Each structure stands twice: as C-alpha cells, then as structure tokens.
C-alpha atoms as a PDB file:
ATOM      1  CA  MET A   1     -24.603  30.223  14.098  1.00  0.00           C
ATOM      2  CA  THR A   2     -26.581  33.052  12.547  1.00  0.00           C
ATOM      3  CA  PRO A   3     -28.952  32.363   9.627  1.00  0.00           C
ATOM      4  CA  ARG A   4     -26.445  34.023   7.258  1.00  0.00           C
ATOM      5  CA  GLN A   5     -23.615  31.819   8.518  1.00  0.00           C
ATOM      6  CA  ILE A   6     -25.755  28.686   8.143  1.00  0.00           C
ATOM      7  CA  ALA A   7     -26.638  29.749   4.588  1.00  0.00           C
ATOM      8  CA  LEU A   8     -22.945  30.267   3.801  1.00  0.00           C
ATOM      9  CA  ALA A   9     -22.070  26.869   5.295  1.00  0.00           C
ATOM     10  CA  LEU A  10     -24.688  25.166   3.103  1.00  0.00           C
ATOM     11  CA  VAL A  11     -23.222  26.512  -0.161  1.00  0.00           C
ATOM     12  CA  PRO A  12     -19.979  24.430  -0.279  1.00  0.00           C
ATOM     13  CA  PRO A  13     -21.560  20.966   0.097  1.00  0.00           C
ATOM     14  CA  LEU A  14     -24.278  21.925  -2.406  1.00  0.00           C
ATOM     15  CA  CYS A  15     -21.679  23.055  -4.946  1.00  0.00           C
ATOM     16  CA  PHE A  16     -19.326  20.139  -4.277  1.00  0.00           C
ATOM     17  CA  GLY A  17     -22.113  17.566  -4.396  1.00  0.00           C
ATOM     18  CA  ILE A  18     -23.576  18.796  -7.692  1.00  0.00           C
ATOM     19  CA  GLY A  19     -20.141  19.528  -9.128  1.00  0.00           C
ATOM     20  CA  PHE A  20     -18.955  15.975  -8.426  1.00  0.00           C
ATOM     21  CA  THR A  21     -21.881  14.569 -10.419  1.00  0.00           C
ATOM     22  CA  VAL A  22     -21.517  17.004 -13.310  1.00  0.00           C
ATOM     23  CA  ALA A  23     -17.721  16.679 -13.451  1.00  0.00           C
ATOM     24  CA  LYS A  24     -17.529  12.914 -14.003  1.00  0.00           C
ATOM     25  CA  PRO A  25     -16.861  13.178 -17.772  1.00  0.00           C
ATOM     26  CA  THR A  26     -14.486  16.097 -17.176  1.00  0.00           C
ATOM     27  CA  VAL A  27     -12.321  14.210 -14.675  1.00  0.00           C
ATOM     28  CA  ALA A  28     -12.372  11.191 -16.979  1.00  0.00           C
ATOM     29  CA  HIS A  29     -10.963  13.314 -19.813  1.00  0.00           C
ATOM     30  CA  PHE A  30      -8.578  15.769 -18.114  1.00  0.00           C
ATOM     31  CA  PRO A  31      -5.861  14.496 -15.723  1.00  0.00           C
ATOM     32  CA  PRO A  32      -7.190  15.494 -12.262  1.00  0.00           C
ATOM     33  CA  LEU A  33      -4.240  17.576 -11.050  1.00  0.00           C
ATOM     34  CA  PHE A  34      -4.019  19.240 -14.453  1.00  0.00           C
ATOM     35  CA  MET A  35      -7.731  20.019 -14.205  1.00  0.00           C
ATOM     36  CA  MET A  36      -7.133  21.590 -10.782  1.00  0.00           C
ATOM     37  CA  LEU A  37      -4.254  23.584 -12.273  1.00  0.00           C
ATOM     38  CA  MET A  38      -6.527  24.996 -14.993  1.00  0.00           C
ATOM     39  CA  VAL A  39      -9.273  25.777 -12.478  1.00  0.00           C
ATOM     40  CA  TYR A  40      -7.001  27.604 -10.052  1.00  0.00           C
ATOM     41  CA  ALA A  41      -5.248  29.417 -12.903  1.00  0.00           C
ATOM     42  CA  GLY A  42      -8.649  30.714 -13.993  1.00  0.00           C
ATOM     43  CA  ILE A  43      -9.524  31.722 -10.425  1.00  0.00           C
ATOM     44  CA  ALA A  44      -6.185  33.508 -10.007  1.00  0.00           C
ATOM     45  CA  LEU A  45      -6.696  35.382 -13.287  1.00  0.00           C
ATOM     46  CA  VAL A  46     -10.247  36.459 -12.464  1.00  0.00           C
ATOM     47  CA  MET A  47      -9.407  37.501  -8.909  1.00  0.00           C
ATOM     48  CA  THR A  48      -6.417  39.522 -10.064  1.00  0.00           C
ATOM     49  CA  PHE A  49      -8.948  41.932 -11.555  1.00  0.00           C
ATOM     50  CA  THR A  50     -11.879  41.490  -9.149  1.00  0.00           C
ATOM     51  CA  TYR A  51     -10.045  41.338  -5.797  1.00  0.00           C
ATOM     52  CA  ARG A  52      -7.454  44.112  -5.801  1.00  0.00           C
ATOM     53  CA  ARG A  53      -7.050  44.380  -2.038  1.00  0.00           C
ATOM     54  CA  PRO A  54      -3.491  43.463  -0.961  1.00  0.00           C
ATOM     55  CA  LEU A  55      -3.296  40.073   0.735  1.00  0.00           C
ATOM     56  CA  ALA A  56      -2.703  40.327   4.470  1.00  0.00           C
ATOM     57  CA  THR A  57      -1.764  36.675   5.030  1.00  0.00           C
ATOM     58  CA  ARG A  58       1.986  36.076   5.239  1.00  0.00           C
ATOM     59  CA  LEU A  59       3.597  34.511   2.165  1.00  0.00           C
ATOM     60  CA  SER A  60       4.966  31.576   4.163  1.00  0.00           C
ATOM     61  CA  HIS A  61       1.470  30.842   5.455  1.00  0.00           C
ATOM     62  CA  ILE A  62       0.003  31.131   1.941  1.00  0.00           C
ATOM     63  CA  ILE A  63       2.471  28.537   0.680  1.00  0.00           C
ATOM     64  CA  LEU A  64       1.748  26.240   3.640  1.00  0.00           C
ATOM     65  CA  ILE A  65      -2.053  26.501   3.442  1.00  0.00           C
ATOM     66  CA  SER A  66      -2.216  26.096  -0.351  1.00  0.00           C
ATOM     67  CA  ALA A  67       0.129  23.094  -0.237  1.00  0.00           C
ATOM     68  CA  LEU A  68      -2.048  21.352   2.339  1.00  0.00           C
ATOM     69  CA  ALA A  69      -5.532  22.447   1.281  1.00  0.00           C
ATOM     70  CA  VAL A  70      -4.991  22.178  -2.476  1.00  0.00           C
ATOM     71  CA  THR A  71      -1.929  20.384  -3.820  1.00  0.00           C
ATOM     72  CA  ILE A  72      -0.986  17.581  -1.428  1.00  0.00           C
ATOM     73  CA  GLN A  73      -4.548  16.592  -0.562  1.00  0.00           C
ATOM     74  CA  GLY A  74      -5.530  16.720  -4.233  1.00  0.00           C
ATOM     75  CA  ALA A  75      -2.720  14.390  -5.251  1.00  0.00           C
ATOM     76  CA  MET A  76      -3.403  11.901  -2.440  1.00  0.00           C
ATOM     77  CA  VAL A  77      -7.177  11.828  -2.876  1.00  0.00           C
ATOM     78  CA  PHE A  78      -7.167  11.559  -6.672  1.00  0.00           C
ATOM     79  CA  ILE A  79      -4.537   8.812  -6.708  1.00  0.00           C
ATOM     80  CA  GLY A  80      -6.463   6.942  -4.009  1.00  0.00           C
ATOM     81  CA  LEU A  81      -9.735   7.299  -5.917  1.00  0.00           C
ATOM     82  CA  LYS A  82      -8.291   5.344  -8.844  1.00  0.00           C
ATOM     83  CA  GLY A  83      -8.170   2.184  -6.726  1.00  0.00           C
ATOM     84  CA  LEU A  84     -11.531   2.476  -4.954  1.00  0.00           C
ATOM     85  CA  PRO A  85     -15.217   2.277  -5.858  1.00  0.00           C
ATOM     86  CA  ALA A  86     -16.800   5.718  -5.809  1.00  0.00           C
ATOM     87  CA  THR A  87     -19.135   4.883  -2.919  1.00  0.00           C
ATOM     88  CA  THR A  88     -16.288   3.635  -0.748  1.00  0.00           C
ATOM     89  CA  ALA A  89     -14.105   6.626  -1.596  1.00  0.00           C
ATOM     90  CA  ASN A  90     -16.906   9.057  -0.736  1.00  0.00           C
ATOM     91  CA  LEU A  91     -17.460   7.430   2.633  1.00  0.00           C
ATOM     92  CA  VAL A  92     -13.749   7.345   3.455  1.00  0.00           C
ATOM     93  CA  LEU A  93     -13.401  10.991   2.420  1.00  0.00           C
ATOM     94  CA  GLN A  94     -15.886  12.034   5.092  1.00  0.00           C
ATOM     95  CA  THR A  95     -13.162  11.359   7.668  1.00  0.00           C
ATOM     96  CA  GLN A  96     -12.118  14.935   6.850  1.00  0.00           C
ATOM     97  CA  VAL A  97     -14.897  16.154   9.160  1.00  0.00           C
ATOM     98  CA  PRO A  98     -13.823  14.493  12.445  1.00  0.00           C
ATOM     99  CA  PHE A  99     -10.214  15.260  11.470  1.00  0.00           C
ATOM    100  CA  ALA A 100     -11.123  18.944  11.110  1.00  0.00           C
ATOM    101  CA  VAL A 101     -12.962  19.001  14.442  1.00  0.00           C
ATOM    102  CA  LEU A 102     -10.112  17.212  16.248  1.00  0.00           C
ATOM    103  CA  LEU A 103      -7.351  19.304  14.643  1.00  0.00           C
ATOM    104  CA  GLY A 104      -9.267  22.479  15.380  1.00  0.00           C
ATOM    105  CA  TRP A 105      -9.004  21.490  19.028  1.00  0.00           C
ATOM    106  CA  LEU A 106      -5.412  20.195  19.014  1.00  0.00           C
ATOM    107  CA  VAL A 107      -3.810  22.675  16.592  1.00  0.00           C
ATOM    108  CA  GLY A 108      -6.221  25.578  16.360  1.00  0.00           C
ATOM    109  CA  GLY A 109      -6.783  25.879  20.090  1.00  0.00           C
ATOM    110  CA  GLU A 110     -10.571  25.793  19.743  1.00  0.00           C
ATOM    111  CA  ALA A 111     -12.870  24.412  22.415  1.00  0.00           C
ATOM    112  CA  LEU A 112     -14.130  20.861  21.883  1.00  0.00           C
ATOM    113  CA  ASP A 113     -17.858  21.177  22.520  1.00  0.00           C
ATOM    114  CA  GLY A 114     -19.601  17.953  23.561  1.00  0.00           C
ATOM    115  CA  ARG A 115     -22.887  18.863  21.871  1.00  0.00           C
ATOM    116  CA  LYS A 116     -21.193  19.603  18.551  1.00  0.00           C
ATOM    117  CA  SER A 117     -19.098  16.446  18.786  1.00  0.00           C
ATOM    118  CA  LEU A 118     -22.295  14.430  19.304  1.00  0.00           C
ATOM    119  CA  GLY A 119     -23.881  16.110  16.289  1.00  0.00           C
ATOM    120  CA  THR A 120     -20.831  15.253  14.179  1.00  0.00           C
ATOM    121  CA  VAL A 121     -21.009  11.578  15.191  1.00  0.00           C
ATOM    122  CA  ILE A 122     -24.732  11.449  14.353  1.00  0.00           C
ATOM    123  CA  ALA A 123     -24.105  13.061  10.965  1.00  0.00           C
ATOM    124  CA  LEU A 124     -21.303  10.571  10.235  1.00  0.00           C
ATOM    125  CA  ALA A 125     -23.719   7.738  10.997  1.00  0.00           C
ATOM    126  CA  GLY A 126     -26.047   9.278   8.443  1.00  0.00           C
ATOM    127  CA  VAL A 127     -23.244   9.304   5.875  1.00  0.00           C
ATOM    128  CA  ALA A 128     -22.760   5.567   6.388  1.00  0.00           C
ATOM    129  CA  MET A 129     -26.482   5.035   5.757  1.00  0.00           C
ATOM    130  CA  VAL A 130     -26.523   7.249   2.662  1.00  0.00           C
ATOM    131  CA  ILE A 131     -23.518   5.722   0.951  1.00  0.00           C
ATOM    132  CA  GLY A 132     -23.716   2.173   2.273  1.00  0.00           C
ATOM    133  CA  LEU A 133     -20.822   0.082   3.512  1.00  0.00           C
ATOM    134  CA  PRO A 134     -19.115  -2.137   0.918  1.00  0.00           C
ATOM    135  CA  GLU A 135     -19.705  -5.883   1.007  1.00  0.00           C
ATOM    136  CA  ALA A 136     -16.014  -6.703   0.542  1.00  0.00           C
ATOM    137  CA  PRO A 137     -13.142  -4.935   2.324  1.00  0.00           C
ATOM    138  CA  PRO A 138     -11.567  -2.300   0.035  1.00  0.00           C
ATOM    139  CA  PRO A 139      -7.835  -2.400  -0.797  1.00  0.00           C
ATOM    140  CA  LEU A 140      -5.808  -0.883   2.012  1.00  0.00           C
ATOM    141  CA  ALA A 141      -3.355   1.334   0.072  1.00  0.00           C
ATOM    142  CA  PRO A 142      -5.966   3.469  -1.758  1.00  0.00           C
ATOM    143  CA  VAL A 143      -8.010   3.777   1.442  1.00  0.00           C
ATOM    144  CA  MET A 144      -4.972   5.068   3.343  1.00  0.00           C
ATOM    145  CA  LEU A 145      -4.250   7.567   0.567  1.00  0.00           C
ATOM    146  CA  VAL A 146      -7.778   8.971   0.733  1.00  0.00           C
ATOM    147  CA  ILE A 147      -7.696   9.070   4.538  1.00  0.00           C
ATOM    148  CA  GLY A 148      -4.319  10.807   4.363  1.00  0.00           C
ATOM    149  CA  GLY A 149      -5.696  13.319   1.870  1.00  0.00           C
ATOM    150  CA  ALA A 150      -8.688  13.976   4.135  1.00  0.00           C
ATOM    151  CA  PHE A 151      -6.338  14.568   7.076  1.00  0.00           C
ATOM    152  CA  ILE A 152      -4.143  16.944   5.058  1.00  0.00           C
ATOM    153  CA  TRP A 153      -7.192  18.869   3.797  1.00  0.00           C
ATOM    154  CA  ALA A 154      -8.505  19.231   7.362  1.00  0.00           C
ATOM    155  CA  LEU A 155      -5.106  20.439   8.570  1.00  0.00           C
ATOM    156  CA  GLY A 156      -5.063  23.013   5.769  1.00  0.00           C
ATOM    157  CA  GLN A 157      -8.471  24.332   6.842  1.00  0.00           C
ATOM    158  CA  VAL A 158      -7.333  24.646  10.465  1.00  0.00           C
ATOM    159  CA  PHE A 159      -4.239  26.581   9.365  1.00  0.00           C
ATOM    160  CA  ALA A 160      -6.376  28.760   7.070  1.00  0.00           C
ATOM    161  CA  ARG A 161      -8.505  29.725  10.057  1.00  0.00           C
ATOM    162  CA  LYS A 162      -5.530  30.128  12.403  1.00  0.00           C
ATOM    163  CA  TYR A 163      -3.083  31.947  10.131  1.00  0.00           C
ATOM    164  CA  GLY A 164      -5.308  33.460   7.434  1.00  0.00           C
ATOM    165  CA  ARG A 165      -5.626  37.233   7.702  1.00  0.00           C
ATOM    166  CA  ASP A 166      -7.942  37.770   4.737  1.00  0.00           C
ATOM    167  CA  GLY A 167     -11.654  37.273   4.162  1.00  0.00           C
ATOM    168  CA  GLY A 168     -13.089  34.365   2.189  1.00  0.00           C
ATOM    169  CA  ALA A 169     -12.290  35.816  -1.229  1.00  0.00           C
ATOM    170  CA  GLY A 170      -8.801  36.783  -0.104  1.00  0.00           C
ATOM    171  CA  ILE A 171      -7.976  33.295   1.182  1.00  0.00           C
ATOM    172  CA  LEU A 172      -9.259  31.790  -2.068  1.00  0.00           C
ATOM    173  CA  LYS A 173      -7.053  34.154  -4.083  1.00  0.00           C
ATOM    174  CA  ALA A 174      -4.074  33.321  -1.861  1.00  0.00           C
ATOM    175  CA  ASN A 175      -4.689  29.591  -2.341  1.00  0.00           C
ATOM    176  CA  ALA A 176      -4.993  30.030  -6.099  1.00  0.00           C
ATOM    177  CA  LEU A 177      -1.737  31.978  -6.392  1.00  0.00           C
ATOM    178  CA  GLY A 178       0.132  29.754  -3.951  1.00  0.00           C
ATOM    179  CA  SER A 179      -0.988  26.470  -5.508  1.00  0.00           C
ATOM    180  CA  LEU A 180      -0.223  27.238  -9.175  1.00  0.00           C
ATOM    181  CA  PRO A 181       3.496  26.349  -9.143  1.00  0.00           C
ATOM    182  CA  GLN A 182       2.805  23.409  -6.830  1.00  0.00           C
ATOM    183  CA  LEU A 183       0.050  21.974  -9.053  1.00  0.00           C
ATOM    184  CA  LEU A 184       2.148  22.473 -12.166  1.00  0.00           C
ATOM    185  CA  LEU A 185       5.039  20.518 -10.665  1.00  0.00           C
ATOM    186  CA  ALA A 186       2.746  17.804  -9.263  1.00  0.00           C
ATOM    187  CA  SER A 187       0.973  17.346 -12.601  1.00  0.00           C
ATOM    188  CA  LEU A 188       4.268  17.111 -14.495  1.00  0.00           C
ATOM    189  CA  LEU A 189       5.608  14.510 -12.056  1.00  0.00           C
ATOM    190  CA  LEU A 190       2.493  12.380 -11.514  1.00  0.00           C
ATOM    191  CA  GLU A 191       0.426  12.670 -14.692  1.00  0.00           C
ATOM    192  CA  GLN A 192       0.666  12.448 -18.438  1.00  0.00           C
ATOM    193  CA  GLY A 193      -1.456  13.323 -21.473  1.00  0.00           C
ATOM    194  CA  GLN A 194      -2.093  16.940 -20.489  1.00  0.00           C
ATOM    195  CA  ILE A 195      -1.563  18.399 -23.990  1.00  0.00           C
ATOM    196  CA  GLU A 196      -3.578  15.606 -25.586  1.00  0.00           C
ATOM    197  CA  SER A 197      -6.499  16.295 -23.227  1.00  0.00           C
ATOM    198  CA  LEU A 198      -6.532  19.926 -24.337  1.00  0.00           C
ATOM    199  CA  ALA A 199      -6.391  19.063 -28.016  1.00  0.00           C
ATOM    200  CA  THR A 200      -9.164  16.457 -27.905  1.00  0.00           C
ATOM    201  CA  ALA A 201     -11.597  18.121 -25.469  1.00  0.00           C
ATOM    202  CA  THR A 202     -15.126  18.617 -26.799  1.00  0.00           C
ATOM    203  CA  GLY A 203     -17.305  21.679 -26.271  1.00  0.00           C
ATOM    204  CA  GLN A 204     -19.327  19.810 -23.672  1.00  0.00           C
ATOM    205  CA  GLN A 205     -16.195  18.902 -21.725  1.00  0.00           C
ATOM    206  CA  TRP A 206     -15.049  22.537 -21.724  1.00  0.00           C
ATOM    207  CA  LEU A 207     -18.500  23.581 -20.429  1.00  0.00           C
ATOM    208  CA  MET A 208     -18.247  20.926 -17.712  1.00  0.00           C
ATOM    209  CA  LEU A 209     -14.827  22.243 -16.745  1.00  0.00           C
ATOM    210  CA  LEU A 210     -16.216  25.793 -16.591  1.00  0.00           C
ATOM    211  CA  PHE A 211     -19.071  24.641 -14.354  1.00  0.00           C
ATOM    212  CA  VAL A 212     -16.693  22.815 -12.018  1.00  0.00           C
ATOM    213  CA  GLY A 213     -14.379  25.823 -11.855  1.00  0.00           C
ATOM    214  CA  VAL A 214     -17.097  28.408 -11.205  1.00  0.00           C
ATOM    215  CA  PHE A 215     -19.381  26.494  -8.839  1.00  0.00           C
ATOM    216  CA  GLY A 216     -17.282  23.583  -7.554  1.00  0.00           C
ATOM    217  CA  TYR A 217     -14.302  25.771  -6.659  1.00  0.00           C
ATOM    218  CA  TYR A 218     -14.889  29.548  -6.900  1.00  0.00           C
ATOM    219  CA  VAL A 219     -18.362  29.797  -5.356  1.00  0.00           C
ATOM    220  CA  ALA A 220     -17.875  26.842  -3.005  1.00  0.00           C
ATOM    221  CA  TYR A 221     -14.554  27.913  -1.540  1.00  0.00           C
ATOM    222  CA  SER A 222     -15.436  31.633  -1.390  1.00  0.00           C
ATOM    223  CA  SER A 223     -18.383  30.708   0.831  1.00  0.00           C
ATOM    224  CA  TRP A 224     -16.402  28.090   2.756  1.00  0.00           C
ATOM    225  CA  TYR A 225     -13.539  30.390   3.693  1.00  0.00           C
ATOM    226  CA  SER A 226     -15.929  33.228   4.522  1.00  0.00           C
ATOM    227  CA  VAL A 227     -17.830  31.179   7.084  1.00  0.00           C
ATOM    228  CA  LEU A 228     -14.616  29.520   8.290  1.00  0.00           C
ATOM    229  CA  ARG A 229     -13.250  32.933   9.259  1.00  0.00           C
ATOM    230  CA  GLN A 230     -16.416  33.651  11.252  1.00  0.00           C
ATOM    231  CA  CYS A 231     -17.181  30.353  13.031  1.00  0.00           C
ATOM    232  CA  PRO A 232     -15.204  27.641  14.852  1.00  0.00           C
ATOM    233  CA  ILE A 233     -14.245  24.803  12.536  1.00  0.00           C
ATOM    234  CA  GLU A 234     -16.163  22.312  14.720  1.00  0.00           C
ATOM    235  CA  GLN A 235     -19.332  24.171  13.699  1.00  0.00           C
ATOM    236  CA  VAL A 236     -18.507  24.532  10.002  1.00  0.00           C
ATOM    237  CA  ALA A 237     -16.871  21.192   9.095  1.00  0.00           C
ATOM    238  CA  PRO A 238     -19.926  18.949   9.728  1.00  0.00           C
ATOM    239  CA  PHE A 239     -21.823  20.744   6.972  1.00  0.00           C
ATOM    240  CA  MET A 240     -19.482  19.030   4.498  1.00  0.00           C
ATOM    241  CA  LEU A 241     -21.234  15.782   5.397  1.00  0.00           C
ATOM    242  CA  LEU A 242     -24.092  16.959   3.172  1.00  0.00           C
ATOM    243  CA  MET A 243     -21.896  16.318   0.124  1.00  0.00           C
ATOM    244  CA  PRO A 244     -22.909  12.666  -0.432  1.00  0.00           C
ATOM    245  CA  VAL A 245     -26.580  13.518   0.128  1.00  0.00           C
ATOM    246  CA  VAL A 246     -26.456  16.272  -2.483  1.00  0.00           C
ATOM    247  CA  GLY A 247     -24.430  14.074  -4.826  1.00  0.00           C
ATOM    248  CA  ILE A 248     -26.972  11.255  -4.674  1.00  0.00           C
ATOM    249  CA  GLY A 249     -29.816  13.719  -5.169  1.00  0.00           C
ATOM    250  CA  ALA A 250     -28.053  15.285  -8.160  1.00  0.00           C
ATOM    251  CA  ALA A 251     -27.419  11.847  -9.639  1.00  0.00           C
ATOM    252  CA  ALA A 252     -31.117  11.030  -9.284  1.00  0.00           C
ATOM    253  CA  VAL A 253     -32.160  14.228 -11.070  1.00  0.00           C
ATOM    254  CA  LEU A 254     -29.412  14.469 -13.683  1.00  0.00           C
ATOM    255  CA  LEU A 255     -28.545  10.811 -14.241  1.00  0.00           C
ATOM    256  CA  ASP A 256     -31.927   9.229 -13.428  1.00  0.00           C
ATOM    257  CA  GLU A 257     -30.469   7.084 -10.632  1.00  0.00           C
ATOM    258  CA  SER A 258     -32.780   5.717  -7.934  1.00  0.00           C
ATOM    259  CA  ILE A 259     -32.735   6.707  -4.253  1.00  0.00           C
ATOM    260  CA  SER A 260     -33.202   3.964  -1.651  1.00  0.00           C
ATOM    261  CA  PRO A 261     -35.172   4.302   1.615  1.00  0.00           C
ATOM    262  CA  ALA A 262     -31.892   3.838   3.511  1.00  0.00           C
ATOM    263  CA  GLN A 263     -30.423   6.832   1.687  1.00  0.00           C
ATOM    264  CA  ILE A 264     -33.465   8.944   2.577  1.00  0.00           C
ATOM    265  CA  LEU A 265     -33.163   7.901   6.227  1.00  0.00           C
ATOM    266  CA  GLY A 266     -29.445   8.644   6.144  1.00  0.00           C
ATOM    267  CA  GLY A 267     -30.073  12.092   4.716  1.00  0.00           C
ATOM    268  CA  LEU A 268     -32.534  12.893   7.501  1.00  0.00           C
ATOM    269  CA  THR A 269     -29.993  11.622  10.060  1.00  0.00           C
ATOM    270  CA  ILE A 270     -27.316  13.916   8.633  1.00  0.00           C
ATOM    271  CA  LEU A 271     -29.697  16.869   8.826  1.00  0.00           C
ATOM    272  CA  ALA A 272     -30.444  15.995  12.449  1.00  0.00           C
ATOM    273  CA  GLY A 273     -26.739  15.905  13.272  1.00  0.00           C
ATOM    274  CA  LEU A 274     -26.164  19.248  11.541  1.00  0.00           C
ATOM    275  CA  ALA A 275     -29.059  20.777  13.473  1.00  0.00           C
ATOM    276  CA  ILE A 276     -27.371  19.760  16.724  1.00  0.00           C
ATOM    277  CA  VAL A 277     -24.081  21.264  15.540  1.00  0.00           C
ATOM    278  CA  SER A 278     -25.406  24.549  14.170  1.00  0.00           C
ATOM    279  CA  VAL A 279     -28.180  25.517  16.592  1.00  0.00           C
ATOM    280  CA  GLY A 280     -27.002  27.139  19.756  1.00  0.00           C
ATOM    281  CA  ARG A 281     -25.999  30.367  21.392  1.00  0.00           C
ATOM    282  CA  PRO A 282     -23.658  32.259  19.001  1.00  0.00           C
ATOM    283  CA  LYS A 283     -20.199  33.038  20.264  1.00  0.00           C
ATOM    284  CA  THR A 284     -18.602  36.429  20.034  1.00  0.00           C
ATOM    285  CA  ALA A 285     -16.458  36.578  16.904  1.00  0.00           C
ATOM    286  CA  ALA A 286     -12.814  37.502  17.072  1.00  0.00           C
ATOM    287  CA  PRO A 287     -12.029  40.967  15.657  1.00  0.00           C
ATOM    288  CA  GLU A 288     -10.334  39.588  12.565  1.00  0.00           C
ATOM    289  CA  SER A 289     -13.177  37.120  11.982  1.00  0.00           C
ATOM    290  CA  ALA A 290     -15.884  39.710  12.369  1.00  0.00           C
ATOM    291  CA  ALA A 291     -14.255  41.821   9.680  1.00  0.00           C
ATOM    292  CA  ALA A 292     -13.934  38.945   7.252  1.00  0.00           C
ATOM    293  CA  SER A 293     -16.387  38.370   4.447  1.00  0.00           C
END
C-alpha cells in the first residue's frame, strides 16, 4: 500500500472509534435505525448538491450493496447489541474482518495472501487482548445476530468493490440513496418512538447526531470506499481492527476511563498485525480502481 492509501485506511477506524464513544447518548435517545435513516438522509441531501456526477454503478447493484452494507447489517447488529455487554459485542463484531478477507477470496476472486492472512490473525489476537474475553459465556442469540450482521456487512463491502463503478464519494452517495427507503421501512417495522425522540431531543443530542453523521459516516465511509476501490479487501479490512483501540483511547480522554497494560499490549499487537498486512510490494491497480477517488 502507498502512504496515501494507508492514510485513507486509517481514517475509518479513527472516525468509527471516536464516533462510537461520542454517540452513546445519541443512540440511547434516538432509535438506532431511525438515527441511521436521519444520517443517510442528510448525506443524500448534501451529496445531491456536492456530487453531481452521474452514478455509474447499476441500480440493481446499488440496491443490493446498500441493503447489505447499510440496512440488513444495521438491523442485525443493533438488535444483537441490546442483549450483549458492549465489550463482548465489540469483540464479536471484529469477525467482520476475517469474513471480509475470506469473502474477498471466495466471492470477489481476490488472491488469499498468506502474509496478509497471518497479519489479520495477529491483529485479531490483539483485539482479544484490548477488549478482554468475558468471564461468563454471552447469550447465544444476540451473539449470532452480531456475527450475522458482521458477515452481511463484509459481503456488502466485497460487492461494493466487485460491482461498484464509482469512486468513494460516489459509492457513499449510492448507498445513501439506496438505503433510504429500506431504512424507513425497517425503522417502521422494528422500532417505535421515532417522533417522540425528535420532539424531546436536546441541543447536545442534536450536536452528537451531527458529529456522528459527519465523521462517523460521511468522512469515514468516503475514505473507506475510496481505499476499497484501490486496494484488495484483504489489505483494507484489517485496518478496521483499530476501532476498539481508538474507542478505548477516546473513552480514556473523553470519559476519563482507565487503560490497562493488557489493552496497551493488545494495541501494539494490532499495530504489528496491520504492519504485516499493509507493508509490501504494491500491486498494479485495475483501471477502474486507479481512476477512483
């Protein structure tokens, strides 16, 4: 990976990790799928004026990718999170990385590099150290929902790389437009209290929502899809393992939570695994990937 590609790959976990910490009161107030609906509606509105280039990705592929990468995975993960401790859910969610690497090989037709696979395994070991394994076994149903959501998200990213014909901003706009009717229907079927959450939201909660929308979704996914169009998913996906490290660091700074020596060691292990994944001889980009940005 080039230095620019590594920098792009570092943006999503930084934004997601900080956004998760900052968004706790927001998610507690707004129904999660309804919050996603508002965020993607805002992104679609902004990008209607800022990204005027016609979308090159086929409509059927837009619907498929947005359903997998946004709506279905969001519903499964958020419902699963209700029945799990946050630390357990975060650890289980990291299964999205090996899923993405494996699906990139099976579905995307990408080479399965032994060095990068080793780096992914090392980084996953670091995640276990950072988050810590629970003392008691978690309930099975919520765990399976989160694992299912991680699998669906990974499949959506593989399809975005395989079928997407736009750059990072274009794929984000396509996902926003494609997911709006899906999120609206999912929120109406699975949630309640949407109007009440709007009427009772405080100024601080609206600011939190704005932060999550701008950094946790717009900036994060613009960078993610840009680098995903340029690099194999087995190179890009392991960077998402930095999310729990960033989240714990943000909690220490913003919420005055302590960091244990095991978490520091785990963070260094994750960085070592990512170094193995990202450092190497760059491959020649496909024509459509080289043009993406």
